[in-house]
Structures are given as C-alpha cells and as structure tokens.
Amino acid sequence: MRNKVCTANCLVVKIGSSLLTAQGQGLDKAAIAEWVAQIAKLHGSGKRVLLVSSGAVAEGMMRLDWRQRPHAIYELQAAAAVGQMGLIQSYESCFQLHGIHTAQVLLTHEDLSNRKRYLNARSTLRTLLNLGVVPVINENDTVATDEICFGDNDSLAALVVNLVEADALLLLTDQPGMYDRDPRFNSTAALVSEAVASDAALDAMVSATGGEFGRGGMYTKLRAARLAARSGAVTVIALGAEKDVMPRICAGENIGTLLLPDQEPIVARKQWLASHLQPKGGLVLDDGAVHVLRESGRSLLAVGVSDVNGEFIRGEVVSCLDQQGREVARGLVNYSAIEVRVIKGQASNKIEELLGYVDEPELIHRDNLVLL
C-alpha cells in the first residue's frame, strides 16, 4: 500500500519541535536546510507541499534566554511571537536558495471550524499552491490562548490535510514510527509498519506524553492520522533525521509507520458531506442543471439556479432541489443566500459585474457536492 504515498500529488509535512530545536538550543539551522532541500526535491518533481512547522515557542525561549517552558499564557504568547520571527526567517532563507517562494500562514482551530473562514483559508492555500509557493503554516499562538493550552501541530496538520484535500500527511518526529509498545520501557517493542488508522488496537500502543519542548507524543499523531483519514488521506509517521526521508517515503520505501484510511478520498469526503452536515437552505435548480449534476458529475453554476430558499452564508451546506422540491444533491456553497439571489440564472462571467467581486466561478464545486 506504499504506492498510495508514491502517487500522492499534494502532501502536508509536519516537523516537530524535538527535531527543530536541538534540545532547547534554538533552531537547528542545518537540519532545517536539509528538510527544505528534501521539500525542494518533491516540489521539483511536481508534488505540492504544505509545511506545518513547530518550533516558534522553543525558538522564542532561546532568544529570551528562558531555560524552562513557562506556564503563564501571556509568556507563552510572547515566546511564540519572538520565536516566529526566527522560524520563518530560517525557512525563507533556505527556500530562497532553491528558488522557491514561501508564505507564512497562521491559523487557529477556529479558522477551520467556521465554514466561511474555512473556505477563505482553503482558497488562499490553493492559490498559493497554484502559484508554486510552499505555505509554511503554524498555529496563531500569539492570539489564540486555547491553542497553546490544548492544541498541537499534529492535529493542525491533519486539519490542513482536510482543508486542501491533500493525499498524504507526513509526520516527522524523533521516533522511527509507531511501536506496538513503548520502546523506552520495553526492549522487545516492534515497529508497526502498516495499519488502518481506525484500528482500535492502536490506542493501547501509543503514549500521550510529549517531550519537554513539544506538546504531543505518539497519541497526538494517531489522532492526527485519524483526522486525515476522514478525507481519505494516508499518514506516515517517520524519523525526521533519516537521510532523505521525505523523497524516500514518496518513492515507496518502507520507512516509518503507514496508517491508512478506511475509504478512498472521494468516498470519505462525500460521506462526510452527506451524513454529518445539515443543510441551512436550498437552491432550486432548472431541469438542465439537475441533468448535468446527475449525469456529468459537474459543479453547480449560478446559471442553473432558478430560486433560493432560506438564509445561509458562504461555506454552509445547502440542498439542491429539482423543480418538484426533491433533494437531488447537497454541498458547500461558495456564496451567501443574498448573493445567490443576485446572480442566480446568470453566467459565471457575470458574477463580478453583478456583485463587484468574484470568489469562485461555481456556486458549489463538484468536490464539495454529493448526489443523493
């Protein structure tokens, strides 16, 4: 099943604090340069890569000459603010050597749970990828106190996988992968080469204890793999210090632990749309639009909408109804009810003229649409 990683076109790579910070001595610039070189190889082979990087708080602690991680929220926020400067500066200078542009993206879990902000973040990240830019993503620790108290970048990386519908998640850590028992206390512990992420037997194998400078252990990585699996992505947990670890994983080498989803990407996402989200309103379609959705599997355009039911905002789920009021599909809408009432029945190239702006040419993209 390693071919699922080989064929991945879009990957999210997460590098943990224990790898980046050289045991609290600030950022390991040489290691960062090596990981950037590996990402550049993947980038050069046509793969799209998003980087989720820890290390801001640890780098801030070093710059502020703090020997122990503080407990006060405002001190952690200060450390993150100071450290973020050095973290991004290091990545930017290394990527420049390979002729690759980078972009700093700071997110909170709230950004990914609010549907409107979710779509805005997704559009921005997709645009960056289309431009050949590598987004460097971190939690916005300086303003979101709950992220510092309870968050971890493993989960953030998995949510980014869901956000951009990436094919694979690479979690680079200071361990060779997931073991069937804690190798620190059991010399007979064996590496788990491959498993299904949802397998309940994995829960007994992981530890919730993280390192001094990190915020999660193998438990958070298993949880992240399960989050990524919701959109059908595979996860590999591997030793970040392994030479050329990223290109070798993507070439199909048996490195680390491969955690597989239960379902293929399209099936997983469609099931989520169909069963976990309740419609906030409805779009009444003409017969031509109904036929196109059912027979061609295409996106829903404004020209095929004849009426709007209810009130909804961008990013919420709406029902797609035929002329008899029967629900034929549902999906995440790119415009609010107020906006749709203005552009319904109109060609996509008229949207900017009618609204003064255009977010997306489709009302509902086919990736966010499920037939019922």
Protein backbone atom coordinates (compact mmCIF):
# COMPACT_ATOMS: atom_id res chain seq x y z
CA MET A 1 0.00 0.00 0.00
CA ARG A 2 3.06 2.29 -0.04
CA ASN A 3 2.07 3.20 -3.60
CA LYS A 4 -0.62 5.43 -2.10
CA VAL A 5 2.17 7.71 -0.90
CA CYS A 6 4.08 7.43 -4.19
CA THR A 7 1.06 8.63 -6.15
CA ALA A 8 0.23 11.48 -3.76
CA ASN A 9 0.17 14.81 -5.61
CA CYS A 10 -0.40 17.01 -2.56
CA LEU A 11 1.31 16.42 0.78
CA VAL A 12 1.26 18.09 4.17
CA VAL A 13 4.56 17.73 6.04
CA LYS A 14 4.72 18.38 9.77
CA ILE A 15 8.07 18.77 11.54
CA GLY A 16 8.03 18.55 15.31
CA SER A 17 9.73 20.73 17.92
CA SER A 18 12.06 17.95 19.07
CA LEU A 19 13.59 17.87 15.59
CA LEU A 20 13.79 21.61 15.06
CA THR A 21 15.16 22.93 18.31
CA ALA A 22 18.25 20.89 19.19
CA GLN A 23 17.13 20.23 22.77
CA GLY A 24 16.28 23.84 23.51
CA GLN A 25 19.37 25.39 21.95
CA GLY A 26 17.36 27.35 19.40
CA LEU A 27 16.65 26.29 15.85
CA ASP A 28 18.81 23.66 14.21
CA LYS A 29 19.60 25.63 11.06
CA ALA A 30 21.49 22.77 9.39
CA ALA A 31 18.58 20.37 9.89
CA ILE A 32 16.11 22.94 8.54
CA ALA A 33 18.27 23.39 5.45
CA GLU A 34 18.24 19.62 4.89
CA TRP A 35 14.45 19.33 5.20
CA VAL A 36 13.97 22.29 2.89
CA ALA A 37 16.25 20.61 0.33
CA GLN A 38 14.08 17.49 0.54
CA ILE A 39 10.89 19.51 0.07
CA ALA A 40 12.55 21.22 -2.89
CA LYS A 41 13.12 17.77 -4.45
CA LEU A 42 9.44 16.92 -4.03
CA HIS A 43 8.47 20.34 -5.33
CA GLY A 44 10.69 19.85 -8.37
CA SER A 45 9.04 16.50 -9.13
CA GLY A 46 5.66 18.22 -9.41
CA LYS A 47 4.30 17.50 -5.94
CA ARG A 48 2.54 20.22 -3.98
CA VAL A 49 3.82 20.53 -0.43
CA LEU A 50 2.48 22.42 2.58
CA LEU A 51 4.75 22.63 5.63
CA VAL A 52 3.37 22.73 9.17
CA SER A 53 6.23 23.61 11.48
CA SER A 54 6.56 23.67 15.23
CA GLY A 55 9.39 25.45 16.97
CA ALA A 56 8.20 29.04 17.47
CA VAL A 57 7.85 28.86 21.26
CA ALA A 58 11.12 26.95 21.67
CA GLU A 59 12.98 29.44 19.47
CA GLY A 60 11.46 32.32 21.41
CA MET A 61 12.57 30.77 24.68
CA MET A 62 16.14 30.57 23.41
CA ARG A 63 16.11 34.17 22.19
CA LEU A 64 14.69 35.34 25.52
CA ASP A 65 17.17 33.14 27.41
CA TRP A 66 14.42 31.21 29.18
CA ARG A 67 15.65 27.83 30.43
CA GLN A 68 12.25 26.28 31.15
CA ARG A 69 8.99 26.42 29.24
CA PRO A 70 6.76 28.93 31.08
CA HIS A 71 3.27 28.08 32.28
CA ALA A 72 1.70 31.55 32.04
CA ILE A 73 -0.26 32.03 28.85
CA TYR A 74 0.99 35.55 28.21
CA GLU A 75 4.60 34.38 28.50
CA LEU A 76 3.98 31.55 26.04
CA GLN A 77 2.38 34.03 23.67
CA ALA A 78 5.38 36.33 23.99
CA ALA A 79 7.77 33.46 23.30
CA ALA A 80 5.75 32.43 20.24
CA ALA A 81 5.74 35.99 18.91
CA VAL A 82 9.51 36.34 19.29
CA GLY A 83 10.27 32.86 18.01
CA GLN A 84 8.05 33.08 14.96
CA MET A 85 10.37 35.70 13.52
CA GLY A 86 13.37 33.41 13.61
CA LEU A 87 11.45 30.34 12.45
CA ILE A 88 10.06 31.95 9.31
CA GLN A 89 13.33 33.75 8.59
CA SER A 90 15.15 30.41 8.61
CA TYR A 91 12.68 28.75 6.24
CA GLU A 92 12.54 31.74 3.91
CA SER A 93 16.32 31.96 3.53
CA CYS A 94 16.64 28.20 2.90
CA PHE A 95 13.84 28.03 0.34
CA GLN A 96 15.31 31.05 -1.48
CA LEU A 97 18.44 29.00 -2.18
CA HIS A 98 16.23 26.65 -4.22
CA GLY A 99 14.34 29.44 -5.99
CA ILE A 100 11.10 28.65 -4.16
CA HIS A 101 8.82 31.30 -2.71
CA THR A 102 7.26 30.74 0.71
CA ALA A 103 4.29 32.22 2.51
CA GLN A 104 3.64 32.41 6.23
CA VAL A 105 0.14 31.28 7.18
CA LEU A 106 -1.01 31.47 10.81
CA LEU A 107 -4.18 29.56 11.62
CA THR A 108 -6.29 28.71 14.63
CA HIS A 109 -8.63 25.79 15.02
CA GLU A 110 -11.45 28.34 14.92
CA ASP A 111 -10.40 29.29 11.39
CA LEU A 112 -11.01 25.70 10.32
CA SER A 113 -14.29 25.20 12.19
CA ASN A 114 -16.01 28.37 10.94
CA ARG A 115 -17.26 27.48 7.47
CA LYS A 116 -16.74 30.92 5.93
CA ARG A 117 -13.20 31.24 7.27
CA TYR A 118 -12.59 27.61 6.30
CA LEU A 119 -13.37 28.40 2.67
CA ASN A 120 -11.33 31.59 2.75
CA ALA A 121 -8.32 29.73 4.15
CA ARG A 122 -8.74 26.94 1.60
CA SER A 123 -8.94 29.39 -1.30
CA THR A 124 -5.80 31.17 -0.13
CA LEU A 125 -3.80 27.97 0.31
CA ARG A 126 -4.94 26.58 -3.04
CA THR A 127 -3.96 29.83 -4.74
CA LEU A 128 -0.51 29.70 -3.14
CA LEU A 129 -0.04 26.12 -4.33
CA ASN A 130 -1.15 27.06 -7.84
CA LEU A 131 1.48 29.80 -7.80
CA GLY A 132 4.20 27.30 -6.88
CA VAL A 133 4.56 28.71 -3.36
CA VAL A 134 5.24 26.50 -0.31
CA PRO A 135 3.00 27.64 2.57
CA VAL A 136 4.69 27.49 5.99
CA ILE A 137 1.87 27.04 8.47
CA ASN A 138 1.72 27.35 12.23
CA GLU A 139 -0.89 27.87 14.88
CA ASN A 140 -1.54 31.51 15.65
CA ASP A 141 -0.35 31.04 19.21
CA THR A 142 0.05 34.75 19.95
CA VAL A 143 -3.70 35.40 19.81
CA ALA A 144 -5.36 32.03 20.47
CA THR A 145 -4.86 31.01 24.06
CA ASP A 146 -6.69 27.70 23.77
CA GLU A 147 -4.28 26.57 21.04
CA ILE A 148 -1.33 26.99 23.42
CA CYS A 149 -3.11 25.27 26.29
CA PHE A 150 -4.60 22.35 24.43
CA GLY A 151 -3.56 22.42 20.79
CA ASP A 152 -0.83 20.58 18.92
CA ASN A 153 0.56 20.92 15.43
CA ASP A 154 -0.11 17.26 14.63
CA SER A 155 -3.84 17.98 14.74
CA LEU A 156 -3.37 21.25 12.88
CA ALA A 157 -1.50 19.42 10.11
CA ALA A 158 -4.33 16.90 9.81
CA LEU A 159 -6.90 19.68 9.60
CA VAL A 160 -4.85 21.29 6.84
CA VAL A 161 -4.97 17.93 5.02
CA ASN A 162 -8.77 18.07 5.24
CA LEU A 163 -8.77 21.74 4.25
CA VAL A 164 -6.87 21.36 0.98
CA GLU A 165 -7.86 17.72 0.39
CA ALA A 166 -4.24 16.58 0.42
CA ASP A 167 -3.42 12.99 -0.44
CA ALA A 168 -0.89 12.30 2.31
CA LEU A 169 0.29 13.53 5.71
CA LEU A 170 3.95 13.10 6.70
CA LEU A 171 4.56 13.44 10.45
CA LEU A 172 8.29 13.74 11.07
CA THR A 173 9.31 13.09 14.64
CA ASP A 174 12.24 11.89 16.79
CA GLN A 175 11.00 8.28 16.66
CA PRO A 176 11.26 5.78 13.77
CA GLY A 177 7.49 5.38 13.84
CA MET A 178 4.78 3.84 15.99
CA TYR A 179 5.69 0.82 18.13
CA ASP A 180 3.38 -1.89 19.45
CA ARG A 181 4.53 -0.88 22.96
CA ASP A 182 6.64 1.89 24.46
CA PRO A 183 10.24 1.28 23.32
CA ARG A 184 11.57 3.39 26.17
CA PHE A 185 10.45 0.77 28.67
CA ASN A 186 10.28 -2.42 26.61
CA SER A 187 13.25 -3.72 24.63
CA THR A 188 11.05 -6.13 22.65
CA ALA A 189 8.88 -3.35 21.21
CA ALA A 190 8.32 -3.81 17.47
CA LEU A 191 7.75 -1.11 14.87
CA VAL A 192 4.28 -1.08 13.33
CA SER A 193 4.94 -0.96 9.59
CA GLU A 194 1.37 -0.59 8.40
CA ALA A 195 -2.12 -0.42 9.90
CA VAL A 196 -5.56 1.04 9.34
CA ALA A 197 -5.78 4.33 11.25
CA SER A 198 -9.16 3.48 12.78
CA ASP A 199 -7.92 0.17 14.27
CA ALA A 200 -8.83 0.31 17.97
CA ALA A 201 -5.82 -1.89 18.81
CA LEU A 202 -3.54 1.08 18.09
CA ASP A 203 -4.87 3.01 21.09
CA ALA A 204 -3.10 0.70 23.53
CA MET A 205 0.19 1.21 21.70
CA VAL A 206 0.59 4.97 21.97
CA SER A 207 1.71 7.31 24.69
CA ALA A 208 0.17 10.71 25.40
CA THR A 209 3.46 12.02 26.82
CA GLY A 210 5.35 14.60 24.79
CA GLY A 211 8.83 15.97 25.18
CA GLU A 212 10.00 19.00 27.15
CA PHE A 213 9.75 21.36 24.19
CA GLY A 214 6.86 19.70 22.30
CA ARG A 215 3.19 19.36 23.11
CA GLY A 216 2.35 15.86 21.95
CA GLY A 217 3.53 12.29 21.78
CA MET A 218 2.53 9.37 19.60
CA TYR A 219 -1.05 9.74 20.83
CA THR A 220 -1.46 13.06 19.03
CA LYS A 221 0.00 11.54 15.87
CA LEU A 222 -2.51 8.69 15.88
CA ARG A 223 -5.29 11.20 16.43
CA ALA A 224 -3.96 13.29 13.54
CA ALA A 225 -3.86 10.22 11.27
CA ARG A 226 -7.50 9.55 12.08
CA LEU A 227 -8.41 13.15 11.32
CA ALA A 228 -6.56 12.96 7.99
CA ALA A 229 -8.31 9.69 7.18
CA ARG A 230 -11.66 11.49 7.28
CA SER A 231 -10.84 12.94 3.87
CA GLY A 232 -9.20 9.73 2.66
CA ALA A 233 -5.54 10.71 3.19
CA VAL A 234 -2.77 8.32 4.20
CA THR A 235 -0.37 9.18 7.04
CA VAL A 236 3.28 8.23 7.51
CA ILE A 237 4.97 8.68 10.89
CA ALA A 238 8.73 8.59 10.46
CA LEU A 239 12.10 9.58 11.90
CA GLY A 240 12.83 13.08 10.65
CA ALA A 241 16.59 12.61 11.00
CA GLU A 242 16.58 9.74 8.50
CA LYS A 243 18.59 10.74 5.42
CA ASP A 244 16.37 11.95 2.56
CA VAL A 245 13.37 10.69 4.50
CA MET A 246 10.72 12.59 2.52
CA PRO A 247 11.82 11.67 -1.03
CA ARG A 248 12.39 8.07 0.05
CA ILE A 249 8.92 7.78 1.57
CA CYS A 250 7.43 9.26 -1.58
CA ALA A 251 9.43 6.75 -3.63
CA GLY A 252 7.70 3.93 -1.78
CA GLU A 253 10.42 2.84 0.65
CA ASN A 254 9.21 1.01 3.74
CA ILE A 255 10.10 3.75 6.22
CA GLY A 256 8.19 4.52 9.41
CA THR A 257 4.56 3.64 10.07
CA LEU A 258 1.95 3.87 7.33
CA LEU A 259 -1.60 4.50 8.58
CA LEU A 260 -4.32 4.01 6.01
CA PRO A 261 -7.86 5.40 5.77
CA ASP A 262 -10.89 3.13 5.67
CA GLN A 263 -12.15 4.68 2.44
CA GLU A 264 -10.91 6.29 -0.74
CA PRO A 265 -10.67 10.13 -0.66
CA ILE A 266 -13.77 10.94 -2.70
CA VAL A 267 -15.92 8.40 -0.86
CA ALA A 268 -14.78 9.66 2.55
CA ARG A 269 -15.45 13.32 1.77
CA LYS A 270 -18.80 12.69 0.12
CA GLN A 271 -19.93 10.57 3.05
CA TRP A 272 -18.97 13.37 5.42
CA LEU A 273 -20.97 15.89 3.42
CA ALA A 274 -23.99 13.63 3.15
CA SER A 275 -24.25 12.43 6.71
CA HIS A 276 -22.60 14.93 9.06
CA LEU A 277 -23.78 18.33 7.89
CA GLN A 278 -27.34 19.65 7.95
CA PRO A 279 -28.50 21.95 5.13
CA LYS A 280 -29.03 25.60 6.03
CA GLY A 281 -31.06 26.42 2.94
CA GLY A 282 -31.88 25.31 -0.58
CA LEU A 283 -31.18 26.07 -4.22
CA VAL A 284 -33.93 25.27 -6.72
CA LEU A 285 -32.38 24.07 -9.98
CA ASP A 286 -33.73 24.05 -13.50
CA ASP A 287 -34.05 20.73 -15.32
CA GLY A 288 -30.82 21.28 -17.23
CA ALA A 289 -28.79 21.76 -14.06
CA VAL A 290 -30.32 18.66 -12.47
CA HIS A 291 -29.36 16.64 -15.54
CA VAL A 292 -25.79 17.99 -15.52
CA LEU A 293 -25.33 17.14 -11.84
CA ARG A 294 -26.75 13.64 -12.16
CA GLU A 295 -25.25 12.61 -15.48
CA SER A 296 -21.99 14.52 -15.76
CA GLY A 297 -20.86 14.98 -12.16
CA ARG A 298 -20.00 18.61 -12.77
CA SER A 299 -20.02 21.64 -10.47
CA LEU A 300 -23.18 23.67 -9.90
CA LEU A 301 -23.13 27.06 -11.62
CA ALA A 302 -25.31 30.08 -10.91
CA VAL A 303 -26.90 29.85 -14.37
CA GLY A 304 -28.67 26.63 -13.35
CA VAL A 305 -30.37 28.09 -10.26
CA SER A 306 -33.92 29.42 -10.55
CA ASP A 307 -34.78 30.15 -6.90
CA VAL A 308 -33.30 30.33 -3.40
CA ASN A 309 -34.85 29.00 -0.18
CA GLY A 310 -33.85 30.17 3.30
CA GLU A 311 -30.86 32.12 4.52
CA PHE A 312 -27.30 30.86 4.54
CA ILE A 313 -23.76 32.20 4.39
CA ARG A 314 -20.72 31.24 2.34
CA GLY A 315 -19.38 27.84 3.35
CA GLU A 316 -22.61 26.41 4.74
CA VAL A 317 -24.31 23.29 3.41
CA VAL A 318 -27.34 23.77 1.15
CA SER A 319 -29.71 21.36 -0.54
CA CYS A 320 -30.03 21.26 -4.32
CA LEU A 321 -33.68 20.75 -5.24
CA ASP A 322 -35.38 19.91 -8.51
CA GLN A 323 -38.49 21.75 -9.74
CA GLN A 324 -40.70 19.39 -7.70
CA GLY A 325 -38.84 20.19 -4.48
CA ARG A 326 -37.00 16.87 -4.27
CA GLU A 327 -33.44 16.97 -2.94
CA VAL A 328 -31.02 15.73 -5.59
CA ALA A 329 -27.74 16.83 -4.00
CA ARG A 330 -26.18 18.88 -1.24
CA GLY A 331 -22.90 20.69 -0.87
CA LEU A 332 -20.85 23.60 0.48
CA VAL A 333 -21.96 26.81 -1.18
CA ASN A 334 -19.45 29.49 -2.21
CA TYR A 335 -21.84 32.44 -1.89
CA SER A 336 -24.43 33.63 0.64
CA ALA A 337 -28.19 33.47 0.03
CA ILE A 338 -28.24 37.23 -0.54
CA GLU A 339 -25.51 36.94 -3.18
CA VAL A 340 -27.10 33.93 -4.89
CA ARG A 341 -30.38 35.81 -5.29
CA VAL A 342 -28.43 38.43 -7.27
CA ILE A 343 -26.50 36.05 -9.52
CA LYS A 344 -28.99 33.16 -9.97
CA GLY A 345 -29.68 32.35 -13.60
CA GLN A 346 -26.58 34.25 -14.71
CA ALA A 347 -23.40 33.03 -16.42
CA SER A 348 -20.27 32.75 -14.25
CA ASN A 349 -18.54 35.56 -16.16
CA LYS A 350 -21.28 37.93 -14.97
CA ILE A 351 -20.65 37.37 -11.25
CA GLU A 352 -18.05 40.08 -10.86
CA GLU A 353 -20.20 42.56 -12.78
CA LEU A 354 -23.23 41.81 -10.60
CA LEU A 355 -21.54 41.55 -7.20
CA GLY A 356 -18.47 43.73 -7.72
CA TYR A 357 -16.20 40.76 -6.92
CA VAL A 358 -15.91 37.03 -7.55
CA ASP A 359 -14.86 34.40 -5.03
CA GLU A 360 -15.35 31.26 -7.12
CA PRO A 361 -16.83 30.69 -10.61
CA GLU A 362 -19.01 27.86 -9.23
CA LEU A 363 -21.81 28.08 -6.70
CA ILE A 364 -20.81 24.63 -5.46
CA HIS A 365 -17.63 22.92 -6.65
CA ARG A 366 -18.06 19.28 -7.58
CA ASP A 367 -15.52 18.27 -4.89
CA ASN A 368 -17.89 19.75 -2.30
CA LEU A 369 -21.06 18.27 -3.82
CA VAL A 370 -22.66 14.90 -3.13
CA LEU A 371 -25.57 13.39 -5.06
CA LEU A 372 -28.40 11.90 -3.04
